[in-house]
Amino acid sequence: MSNRSIIIMVLILISATAYLLLKGDGNIDMGGEKHGAEATHAEEASKDAPAAAPTAPTATPAAEAKK
């Protein structure tokens, strides 16, 4: 590959990355696992969204004991 094609590929990748970052919502949390008051739980999110179809509970007894 020539230097010109490498430069063109790099510019295309940079522009695609910039486009995706600018068009995204920008609310990316790279902090890892949260504990305590900062944590958001799936149960709270599911209360807000209406259920389309009833689903079977997926929690195991061990997971219920940890709560």
C-alpha atoms as a PDB file:
ATOM      1  CA  MET A   1       0.000   0.000   0.000  1.00  0.00           C
ATOM      2  CA  SER A   2       1.180   3.455  -0.729  1.00  0.00           C
ATOM      3  CA  ASN A   3       1.434   6.231   1.805  1.00  0.00           C
ATOM      4  CA  ARG A   4      -1.408   8.064   0.089  1.00  0.00           C
ATOM      5  CA  SER A   5      -3.861   5.182   0.573  1.00  0.00           C
ATOM      6  CA  ILE A   6      -2.849   4.782   4.222  1.00  0.00           C
ATOM      7  CA  ILE A   7      -3.455   8.489   4.854  1.00  0.00           C
ATOM      8  CA  ILE A   8      -6.841   8.302   3.128  1.00  0.00           C
ATOM      9  CA  MET A   9      -7.844   5.274   5.224  1.00  0.00           C
ATOM     10  CA  VAL A  10      -6.803   7.008   8.446  1.00  0.00           C
ATOM     11  CA  LEU A  11      -8.764  10.142   7.524  1.00  0.00           C
ATOM     12  CA  ILE A  12     -11.863   8.058   6.741  1.00  0.00           C
ATOM     13  CA  LEU A  13     -11.602   6.254  10.088  1.00  0.00           C
ATOM     14  CA  ILE A  14     -11.109   9.520  11.986  1.00  0.00           C
ATOM     15  CA  SER A  15     -14.076  11.137  10.264  1.00  0.00           C
ATOM     16  CA  ALA A  16     -16.305   8.088  10.900  1.00  0.00           C
ATOM     17  CA  THR A  17     -15.303   8.092  14.574  1.00  0.00           C
ATOM     18  CA  ALA A  18     -15.978  11.821  14.908  1.00  0.00           C
ATOM     19  CA  TYR A  19     -19.374  11.413  13.218  1.00  0.00           C
ATOM     20  CA  LEU A  20     -20.406   8.605  15.562  1.00  0.00           C
ATOM     21  CA  LEU A  21     -19.243  10.513  18.641  1.00  0.00           C
ATOM     22  CA  LEU A  22     -21.074  13.670  17.618  1.00  0.00           C
ATOM     23  CA  LYS A  23     -24.305  11.885  16.653  1.00  0.00           C
ATOM     24  CA  GLY A  24     -24.347   9.736  19.803  1.00  0.00           C
ATOM     25  CA  ASP A  25     -26.064  10.883  22.946  1.00  0.00           C
ATOM     26  CA  GLY A  26     -22.734  11.348  24.692  1.00  0.00           C
ATOM     27  CA  ASN A  27     -23.947   9.693  27.887  1.00  0.00           C
ATOM     28  CA  ILE A  28     -21.321   6.962  28.091  1.00  0.00           C
ATOM     29  CA  ASP A  29     -20.428   5.660  31.540  1.00  0.00           C
ATOM     30  CA  MET A  30     -17.000   4.042  31.589  1.00  0.00           C
ATOM     31  CA  GLY A  31     -16.888   3.909  35.392  1.00  0.00           C
ATOM     32  CA  GLY A  32     -17.440   0.179  35.712  1.00  0.00           C
ATOM     33  CA  GLU A  33     -19.698  -1.548  38.198  1.00  0.00           C
ATOM     34  CA  LYS A  34     -21.654   0.758  40.514  1.00  0.00           C
ATOM     35  CA  HIS A  35     -22.605   0.098  44.129  1.00  0.00           C
ATOM     36  CA  GLY A  36     -24.783   1.915  46.595  1.00  0.00           C
ATOM     37  CA  ALA A  37     -26.909   4.936  45.749  1.00  0.00           C
ATOM     38  CA  GLU A  38     -25.273   5.374  42.312  1.00  0.00           C
ATOM     39  CA  ALA A  39     -26.444   1.962  41.119  1.00  0.00           C
ATOM     40  CA  THR A  40     -29.461   1.714  38.853  1.00  0.00           C
ATOM     41  CA  HIS A  41     -31.370  -1.521  38.896  1.00  0.00           C
ATOM     42  CA  ALA A  42     -33.223  -3.253  36.108  1.00  0.00           C
ATOM     43  CA  GLU A  43     -36.270  -3.579  38.362  1.00  0.00           C
ATOM     44  CA  GLU A  44     -36.630   0.219  38.557  1.00  0.00           C
ATOM     45  CA  ALA A  45     -36.344   0.533  34.779  1.00  0.00           C
ATOM     46  CA  SER A  46     -38.906  -2.190  34.183  1.00  0.00           C
ATOM     47  CA  LYS A  47     -41.451  -0.394  36.418  1.00  0.00           C
ATOM     48  CA  ASP A  48     -41.358   2.623  34.112  1.00  0.00           C
ATOM     49  CA  ALA A  49     -41.702   0.695  30.838  1.00  0.00           C
ATOM     50  CA  PRO A  50     -44.993  -1.072  30.052  1.00  0.00           C
ATOM     51  CA  ALA A  51     -44.671  -4.810  29.583  1.00  0.00           C
ATOM     52  CA  ALA A  52     -45.588  -6.070  26.117  1.00  0.00           C
ATOM     53  CA  ALA A  53     -45.965  -9.678  27.221  1.00  0.00           C
ATOM     54  CA  PRO A  54     -45.761 -11.394  30.602  1.00  0.00           C
ATOM     55  CA  THR A  55     -42.391 -12.946  31.243  1.00  0.00           C
ATOM     56  CA  ALA A  56     -41.318 -15.671  33.624  1.00  0.00           C
ATOM     57  CA  PRO A  57     -39.135 -14.586  36.558  1.00  0.00           C
ATOM     58  CA  THR A  58     -35.486 -15.343  35.945  1.00  0.00           C
ATOM     59  CA  ALA A  59     -34.168 -14.809  39.474  1.00  0.00           C
ATOM     60  CA  THR A  60     -32.737 -17.802  41.265  1.00  0.00           C
ATOM     61  CA  PRO A  61     -33.207 -18.411  44.991  1.00  0.00           C
ATOM     62  CA  ALA A  62     -29.544 -17.561  45.555  1.00  0.00           C
ATOM     63  CA  ALA A  63     -29.999 -14.199  43.807  1.00  0.00           C
ATOM     64  CA  GLU A  64     -33.081 -13.487  45.917  1.00  0.00           C
ATOM     65  CA  ALA A  65     -31.103 -14.227  49.106  1.00  0.00           C
ATOM     66  CA  LYS A  66     -28.441 -11.647  48.137  1.00  0.00           C
ATOM     67  CA  LYS A  67     -31.030  -8.877  47.937  1.00  0.00           C
END
